[in-house]
Protein backbone atom coordinates (compact mmCIF):
# COMPACT_ATOMS: atom_id res chain seq x y z
CA MET A 1 18.24 5.12 -4.30
CA ASN A 2 20.69 5.28 -6.70
CA ASN A 3 22.96 2.20 -8.22
CA GLU A 4 25.53 2.43 -5.40
CA GLU A 5 22.81 2.56 -2.67
CA VAL A 6 20.90 -0.50 -4.00
CA LYS A 7 24.02 -2.50 -4.13
CA GLN A 8 24.68 -1.62 -0.39
CA ALA A 9 21.08 -2.55 0.43
CA LEU A 10 21.66 -5.85 -1.46
CA VAL A 11 24.95 -6.61 0.78
CA ALA A 12 23.34 -5.52 3.77
CA GLY A 13 20.25 -7.41 3.79
CA LYS A 14 18.19 -4.98 5.64
CA PRO A 15 14.71 -3.92 5.04
CA VAL A 16 13.81 -1.42 2.33
CA ILE A 17 10.73 0.97 1.72
CA TYR A 18 9.14 1.19 -1.72
CA PHE A 19 6.80 4.05 -2.56
CA VAL A 20 3.84 2.99 -4.42
CA PRO A 21 1.92 5.70 -5.92
CA LEU A 22 -1.79 5.85 -4.66
CA VAL A 23 -0.94 3.50 -2.01
CA GLY A 24 2.08 4.76 -0.11
CA ASP A 25 5.09 3.21 1.49
CA VAL A 26 5.59 -0.56 1.64
CA ARG A 27 8.09 -2.50 3.62
CA TYR A 28 10.05 -5.42 1.83
CA ASP A 29 12.41 -7.46 3.83
CA ARG A 30 15.27 -7.22 1.76
CA VAL A 31 16.93 -6.61 -1.58
CA SER A 32 17.37 -9.97 -3.30
CA ALA A 33 18.98 -8.95 -6.63
CA VAL A 34 19.96 -5.93 -8.62
CA ILE A 35 19.06 -6.17 -12.05
CA TYR A 36 20.62 -4.47 -14.92
CA ARG A 37 19.08 -4.13 -18.52
CA ILE A 38 19.56 -2.26 -21.77
CA ILE A 39 16.15 -0.48 -22.57
CA ASN A 40 16.36 1.78 -25.79
CA GLY A 41 20.02 2.04 -25.74
CA GLU A 42 20.00 3.02 -21.93
CA LEU A 43 21.26 1.10 -18.79
CA ALA A 44 18.04 0.40 -16.64
CA VAL A 45 18.72 -0.60 -12.88
CA THR A 46 15.92 -2.35 -11.02
CA ALA A 47 15.73 -4.24 -7.80
CA GLU A 48 14.06 -7.33 -6.86
CA LEU A 49 12.50 -7.08 -3.35
CA GLU A 50 11.67 -10.08 -1.34
CA ASP A 51 8.73 -10.07 1.19
CA ARG A 52 9.10 -11.06 4.95
CA LYS A 53 8.48 -14.78 4.40
CA GLY A 54 10.52 -15.03 1.31
CA ARG A 55 7.54 -16.31 -0.76
CA SER A 56 7.13 -13.66 -3.38
CA THR A 57 9.26 -10.95 -4.93
CA ALA A 58 8.78 -7.63 -6.59
CA THR A 59 10.91 -6.07 -9.33
CA VAL A 60 10.78 -2.51 -8.93
CA ARG A 61 12.48 0.93 -9.93
CA ILE A 62 15.15 1.90 -7.59
CA ASP A 63 14.25 5.64 -7.74
CA ARG A 64 11.32 4.94 -5.71
CA LEU A 65 13.11 2.73 -3.07
CA ARG A 66 14.81 3.99 0.17
CA PHE A 67 16.42 2.32 3.23
CA GLU A 68 14.11 1.73 6.02
CA ASN A 69 14.58 4.36 8.86
CA LYS A 70 13.41 4.92 12.61
CA GLU A 71 10.49 7.13 11.38
CA ASP A 72 9.12 4.13 9.11
CA LYS A 73 9.32 1.68 12.14
CA GLU A 74 7.46 4.50 14.32
CA ASN A 75 4.62 5.25 11.73
CA GLY A 76 4.33 1.72 10.75
CA ALA A 77 4.73 1.46 7.10
CA GLU A 78 2.72 -1.30 5.56
CA ILE A 79 4.61 -4.66 5.65
CA CYS A 80 4.28 -6.68 2.17
CA ASN A 81 2.85 -9.98 2.84
CA PRO A 82 0.61 -11.33 0.20
CA ASP A 83 -1.13 -13.47 2.67
CA GLY A 84 -2.30 -10.66 4.86
CA VAL A 85 -0.58 -12.18 8.07
């Protein structure tokens, strides 16, 4: 995702997929925040993702994030849930 897409995801509140190297695609319930930081003089944008039960979050790079699509639902992307439920 780019900056505009992650803002759209925040407003829409729909599930997103985050690609984790060596693990694969992980589904999160929604983007709960967009975070802007200055790192080494450069603007860095990250997203805070909320799991499906709203009990945990992950802060991730937006370049590995995408909207959930029909193929993700059919292929059963791993659902992020720390309890394994």
